[in-house]
PDB file of N, CA and C in Angstrom:
ATOM      1  N   MET A   1    -190.363 -19.702-100.032  1.00  0.00           N
ATOM      2  CA  MET A   1    -190.916 -20.574 -99.005  1.00  0.00           C
ATOM      3  C   MET A   1    -189.955 -20.633 -97.822  1.00  0.00           C
ATOM      4  N   SER A   2    -190.511 -20.767 -96.661  1.00  0.00           N
ATOM      5  CA  SER A   2    -189.669 -20.936 -95.480  1.00  0.00           C
ATOM      6  C   SER A   2    -189.722 -22.396 -95.046  1.00  0.00           C
ATOM      7  N   ASN A   3    -188.801 -22.787 -94.208  1.00  0.00           N
ATOM      8  CA  ASN A   3    -188.733 -24.173 -93.767  1.00  0.00           C
ATOM      9  C   ASN A   3    -190.018 -24.628 -93.084  1.00  0.00           C
ATOM     10  N   GLU A   4    -190.743 -23.718 -92.453  1.00  0.00           N
ATOM     11  CA  GLU A   4    -191.968 -24.097 -91.749  1.00  0.00           C
ATOM     12  C   GLU A   4    -193.113 -24.432 -92.697  1.00  0.00           C
ATOM     13  N   THR A   5    -193.044 -23.960 -93.944  1.00  0.00           N
ATOM     14  CA  THR A   5    -194.153 -24.195 -94.865  1.00  0.00           C
ATOM     15  C   THR A   5    -193.784 -25.148 -95.998  1.00  0.00           C
ATOM     16  N   GLU A   6    -192.564 -25.683 -95.977  1.00  0.00           N
ATOM     17  CA  GLU A   6    -192.135 -26.576 -97.042  1.00  0.00           C
ATOM     18  C   GLU A   6    -192.469 -28.028 -96.691  1.00  0.00           C
ATOM     19  N   TRP A   7    -192.860 -28.768 -97.712  1.00  0.00           N
ATOM     20  CA  TRP A   7    -193.201 -30.180 -97.555  1.00  0.00           C
ATOM     21  C   TRP A   7    -192.202 -31.020 -98.338  1.00  0.00           C
ATOM     22  N   TYR A   8    -191.914 -32.213 -97.824  1.00  0.00           N
ATOM     23  CA  TYR A   8    -190.937 -33.109 -98.428  1.00  0.00           C
ATOM     24  C   TYR A   8    -191.487 -34.529 -98.491  1.00  0.00           C
ATOM     25  N   TYR A   9    -190.964 -35.296 -99.444  1.00  0.00           N
ATOM     26  CA  TYR A   9    -191.257 -36.726 -99.530  1.00  0.00           C
ATOM     27  C   TYR A   9    -189.993 -37.459 -99.120  1.00  0.00           C
ATOM     28  N   ASN A  10    -190.111 -38.386 -98.149  1.00  0.00           N
ATOM     29  CA  ASN A  10    -188.974 -39.150 -97.668  1.00  0.00           C
ATOM     30  C   ASN A  10    -188.941 -40.488 -98.398  1.00  0.00           C
ATOM     31  N   LEU A  11    -187.875 -40.721 -99.151  1.00  0.00           N
ATOM     32  CA  LEU A  11    -187.749 -41.933 -99.953  1.00  0.00           C
ATOM     33  C   LEU A  11    -187.612 -43.191 -99.103  1.00  0.00           C
ATOM     34  N   SER A  12    -186.980 -43.099 -97.954  1.00  0.00           N
ATOM     35  CA  SER A  12    -186.771 -44.275 -97.105  1.00  0.00           C
ATOM     36  C   SER A  12    -188.050 -44.708 -96.399  1.00  0.00           C
ATOM     37  N   THR A  13    -188.777 -43.734 -95.862  1.00  0.00           N
ATOM     38  CA  THR A  13    -189.975 -44.058 -95.091  1.00  0.00           C
ATOM     39  C   THR A  13    -191.251 -43.999 -95.922  1.00  0.00           C
ATOM     40  N   ARG A  14    -191.140 -43.391 -97.114  1.00  0.00           N
ATOM     41  CA  ARG A  14    -192.290 -43.174 -98.000  1.00  0.00           C
ATOM     42  C   ARG A  14    -193.369 -42.325 -97.336  1.00  0.00           C
ATOM     43  N   GLN A  15    -192.934 -41.412 -96.480  1.00  0.00           N
ATOM     44  CA  GLN A  15    -193.855 -40.523 -95.796  1.00  0.00           C
ATOM     45  C   GLN A  15    -193.612 -39.085 -96.221  1.00  0.00           C
ATOM     46  N   VAL A  16    -194.645 -38.282 -96.100  1.00  0.00           N
ATOM     47  CA  VAL A  16    -194.564 -36.856 -96.363  1.00  0.00           C
ATOM     48  C   VAL A  16    -194.356 -36.161 -95.025  1.00  0.00           C
ATOM     49  N   THR A  17    -193.418 -35.218 -95.017  1.00  0.00           N
ATOM     50  CA  THR A  17    -193.137 -34.493 -93.784  1.00  0.00           C
ATOM     51  C   THR A  17    -193.176 -32.994 -94.031  1.00  0.00           C
ATOM     52  N   LYS A  18    -193.509 -32.266 -92.998  1.00  0.00           N
ATOM     53  CA  LYS A  18    -193.464 -30.810 -93.058  1.00  0.00           C
ATOM     54  C   LYS A  18    -192.150 -30.389 -92.430  1.00  0.00           C
ATOM     55  N   GLY A  19    -191.322 -29.732 -93.214  1.00  0.00           N
ATOM     56  CA  GLY A  19    -190.000 -29.350 -92.751  1.00  0.00           C
ATOM     57  C   GLY A  19    -188.967 -30.402 -93.105  1.00  0.00           C
ATOM     58  N   LYS A  20    -187.717 -30.051 -92.902  1.00  0.00           N
ATOM     59  CA  LYS A  20    -186.596 -30.922 -93.274  1.00  0.00           C
ATOM     60  C   LYS A  20    -186.377 -31.975 -92.190  1.00  0.00           C
ATOM     61  N   VAL A  21    -187.059 -33.099 -92.343  1.00  0.00           N
ATOM     62  CA  VAL A  21    -186.951 -34.205 -91.400  1.00  0.00           C
ATOM     63  C   VAL A  21    -186.155 -35.317 -92.070  1.00  0.00           C
ATOM     64  N   GLY A  22    -185.216 -35.901 -91.355  1.00  0.00           N
ATOM     65  CA  GLY A  22    -184.458 -37.014 -91.894  1.00  0.00           C
ATOM     66  C   GLY A  22    -183.247 -36.570 -92.697  1.00  0.00           C
ATOM     67  N   ASP A  23    -182.608 -37.554 -93.296  1.00  0.00           N
ATOM     68  CA  ASP A  23    -181.374 -37.353 -94.047  1.00  0.00           C
ATOM     69  C   ASP A  23    -181.642 -36.620 -95.357  1.00  0.00           C
ATOM     70  N   VAL A  24    -180.763 -35.709 -95.689  1.00  0.00           N
ATOM     71  CA  VAL A  24    -180.902 -34.917 -96.914  1.00  0.00           C
ATOM     72  C   VAL A  24    -180.947 -35.807 -98.161  1.00  0.00           C
ATOM     73  N   PHE A  25    -180.263 -36.946 -98.132  1.00  0.00           N
ATOM     74  CA  PHE A  25    -180.221 -37.831 -99.295  1.00  0.00           C
ATOM     75  C   PHE A  25    -181.504 -38.635 -99.472  1.00  0.00           C
ATOM     76  N   ASP A  26    -182.392 -38.611 -98.479  1.00  0.00           N
ATOM     77  CA  ASP A  26    -183.665 -39.321 -98.546  1.00  0.00           C
ATOM     78  C   ASP A  26    -184.834 -38.407 -98.865  1.00  0.00           C
ATOM     79  N   ARG A  27    -184.586 -37.098 -98.983  1.00  0.00           N
ATOM     80  CA  ARG A  27    -185.673 -36.142 -99.163  1.00  0.00           C
ATOM     81  C   ARG A  27    -185.824 -35.710-100.606  1.00  0.00           C
ATOM     82  N   MET A  28    -187.072 -35.598-101.040  1.00  0.00           N
ATOM     83  CA  MET A  28    -187.407 -34.954-102.310  1.00  0.00           C
ATOM     84  C   MET A  28    -188.215 -33.723-101.954  1.00  0.00           C
ATOM     85  N   GLY A  29    -187.903 -32.621-102.586  1.00  0.00           N
ATOM     86  CA  GLY A  29    -188.642 -31.405-102.311  1.00  0.00           C
ATOM     87  C   GLY A  29    -187.704 -30.224-102.250  1.00  0.00           C
ATOM     88  N   PRO A  30    -188.174 -29.108-101.862  1.00  0.00           N
ATOM     89  CA  PRO A  30    -189.446 -28.858-101.190  1.00  0.00           C
ATOM     90  C   PRO A  30    -190.626 -28.723-102.154  1.00  0.00           C
ATOM     91  N   TYR A  31    -191.792 -28.965-101.610  1.00  0.00           N
ATOM     92  CA  TYR A  31    -193.057 -28.813-102.334  1.00  0.00           C
ATOM     93  C   TYR A  31    -193.918 -27.796-101.584  1.00  0.00           C
ATOM     94  N   PRO A  32    -194.818 -27.126-102.282  1.00  0.00           N
ATOM     95  CA  PRO A  32    -195.592 -26.050-101.640  1.00  0.00           C
ATOM     96  C   PRO A  32    -196.662 -26.537-100.670  1.00  0.00           C
ATOM     97  N   ASP A  33    -197.102 -27.801-100.831  1.00  0.00           N
ATOM     98  CA  ASP A  33    -198.153 -28.304 -99.958  1.00  0.00           C
ATOM     99  C   ASP A  33    -198.053 -29.826 -99.844  1.00  0.00           C
ATOM    100  N   GLU A  34    -198.796 -30.378 -98.902  1.00  0.00           N
ATOM    101  CA  GLU A  34    -198.747 -31.811 -98.624  1.00  0.00           C
ATOM    102  C   GLU A  34    -199.200 -32.642 -99.819  1.00  0.00           C
ATOM    103  N   ALA A  35    -200.249 -32.226-100.482  1.00  0.00           N
ATOM    104  CA  ALA A  35    -200.776 -32.984-101.620  1.00  0.00           C
ATOM    105  C   ALA A  35    -199.744 -33.108-102.734  1.00  0.00           C
ATOM    106  N   THR A  36    -199.035 -32.037-103.012  1.00  0.00           N
ATOM    107  CA  THR A  36    -198.010 -32.071-104.049  1.00  0.00           C
ATOM    108  C   THR A  36    -196.851 -32.965-103.624  1.00  0.00           C
ATOM    109  N   ALA A  37    -196.456 -32.900-102.356  1.00  0.00           N
ATOM    110  CA  ALA A  37    -195.372 -33.755-101.861  1.00  0.00           C
ATOM    111  C   ALA A  37    -195.743 -35.226-101.985  1.00  0.00           C
ATOM    112  N   ARG A  38    -197.013 -35.556-101.796  1.00  0.00           N
ATOM    113  CA  ARG A  38    -197.462 -36.955-101.937  1.00  0.00           C
ATOM    114  C   ARG A  38    -197.313 -37.440-103.380  1.00  0.00           C
ATOM    115  N   GLN A  39    -197.244 -36.533-104.319  1.00  0.00           N
ATOM    116  CA  GLN A  39    -197.099 -36.878-105.734  1.00  0.00           C
ATOM    117  C   GLN A  39    -195.648 -36.795-106.200  1.00  0.00           C
ATOM    118  N   ALA A  40    -194.705 -36.738-105.274  1.00  0.00           N
ATOM    119  CA  ALA A  40    -193.289 -36.519-105.610  1.00  0.00           C
ATOM    120  C   ALA A  40    -192.767 -37.530-106.615  1.00  0.00           C
ATOM    121  N   LEU A  41    -193.061 -38.797-106.431  1.00  0.00           N
ATOM    122  CA  LEU A  41    -192.542 -39.815-107.348  1.00  0.00           C
ATOM    123  C   LEU A  41    -193.149 -39.671-108.741  1.00  0.00           C
ATOM    124  N   GLU A  42    -194.430 -39.350-108.809  1.00  0.00           N
ATOM    125  CA  GLU A  42    -195.083 -39.153-110.105  1.00  0.00           C
ATOM    126  C   GLU A  42    -194.531 -37.909-110.810  1.00  0.00           C
ATOM    127  N   ILE A  43    -194.288 -36.854-110.043  1.00  0.00           N
ATOM    128  CA  ILE A  43    -193.727 -35.625-110.605  1.00  0.00           C
ATOM    129  C   ILE A  43    -192.332 -35.906-111.168  1.00  0.00           C
ATOM    130  N   ALA A  44    -191.522 -36.628-110.408  1.00  0.00           N
ATOM    131  CA  ALA A  44    -190.168 -36.957-110.867  1.00  0.00           C
ATOM    132  C   ALA A  44    -190.213 -37.829-112.120  1.00  0.00           C
ATOM    133  N   ALA A  45    -191.124 -38.804-112.152  1.00  0.00           N
ATOM    134  CA  ALA A  45    -191.235 -39.675-113.322  1.00  0.00           C
ATOM    135  C   ALA A  45    -191.636 -38.881-114.560  1.00  0.00           C
ATOM    136  N   ALA A  46    -192.568 -37.954-114.405  1.00  0.00           N
ATOM    137  CA  ALA A  46    -193.000 -37.125-115.539  1.00  0.00           C
ATOM    138  C   ALA A  46    -191.869 -36.229-116.026  1.00  0.00           C
ATOM    139  N   ARG A  47    -191.117 -35.651-115.109  1.00  0.00           N
ATOM    140  CA  ARG A  47    -189.985 -34.800-115.495  1.00  0.00           C
ATOM    141  C   ARG A  47    -188.913 -35.619-116.212  1.00  0.00           C
ATOM    142  N   ASN A  48    -188.657 -36.824-115.722  1.00  0.00           N
ATOM    143  CA  ASN A  48    -187.667 -37.687-116.376  1.00  0.00           C
ATOM    144  C   ASN A  48    -188.117 -38.073-117.777  1.00  0.00           C
ATOM    145  N   ALA A  49    -189.393 -38.414-117.930  1.00  0.00           N
ATOM    146  CA  ALA A  49    -189.921 -38.778-119.245  1.00  0.00           C
ATOM    147  C   ALA A  49    -189.809 -37.599-120.207  1.00  0.00           C
ATOM    148  N   SER A  50    -190.113 -36.411-119.719  1.00  0.00           N
ATOM    149  CA  SER A  50    -190.011 -35.213-120.553  1.00  0.00           C
ATOM    150  C   SER A  50    -188.561 -34.963-120.965  1.00  0.00           C
ATOM    151  N   ALA A  51    -187.635 -35.103-120.032  1.00  0.00           N
ATOM    152  CA  ALA A  51    -186.225 -34.893-120.343  1.00  0.00           C
ATOM    153  C   ALA A  51    -185.725 -35.956-121.324  1.00  0.00           C
ATOM    154  N   ASP A  52    -186.195 -37.196-121.150  1.00  0.00           N
ATOM    155  CA  ASP A  52    -185.798 -38.261-122.074  1.00  0.00           C
ATOM    156  C   ASP A  52    -186.292 -37.987-123.495  1.00  0.00           C
ATOM    157  N   SER A  53    -187.518 -37.477-123.601  1.00  0.00           N
ATOM    158  CA  SER A  53    -188.049 -37.205-124.945  1.00  0.00           C
ATOM    159  C   SER A  53    -187.318 -36.017-125.575  1.00  0.00           C
ATOM    160  N   ASP A  54    -186.882 -35.065-124.734  1.00  0.00           N
ATOM    161  CA  ASP A  54    -186.090 -33.937-125.247  1.00  0.00           C
ATOM    162  C   ASP A  54    -184.737 -34.407-125.781  1.00  0.00           C
ATOM    163  N   ASP A  55    -184.200 -35.470-125.165  1.00  0.00           N
ATOM    164  CA  ASP A  55    -182.916 -36.016-125.605  1.00  0.00           C
ATOM    165  C   ASP A  55    -183.020 -36.739-126.938  1.00  0.00           C
ATOM    166  N   ASP A  56    -184.206 -37.242-127.261  1.00  0.00           N
ATOM    167  CA  ASP A  56    -184.390 -38.013-128.490  1.00  0.00           C
ATOM    168  C   ASP A  56    -184.408 -37.175-129.716  1.00  0.00           C
TER     169      ASP A  56
END
């Protein structure tokens, strides 16, 4: 993916942006499309739950 086609979720503003907008510490991504970036928090929660169950 190139920077022009990557999508990010901004934790501070709770907005989805195309390209690297804002502080690196506030960004989640990159994601392949806007819809996936909008699900960033759900994706992270699912990955954390999976990792936690692997630890058990």
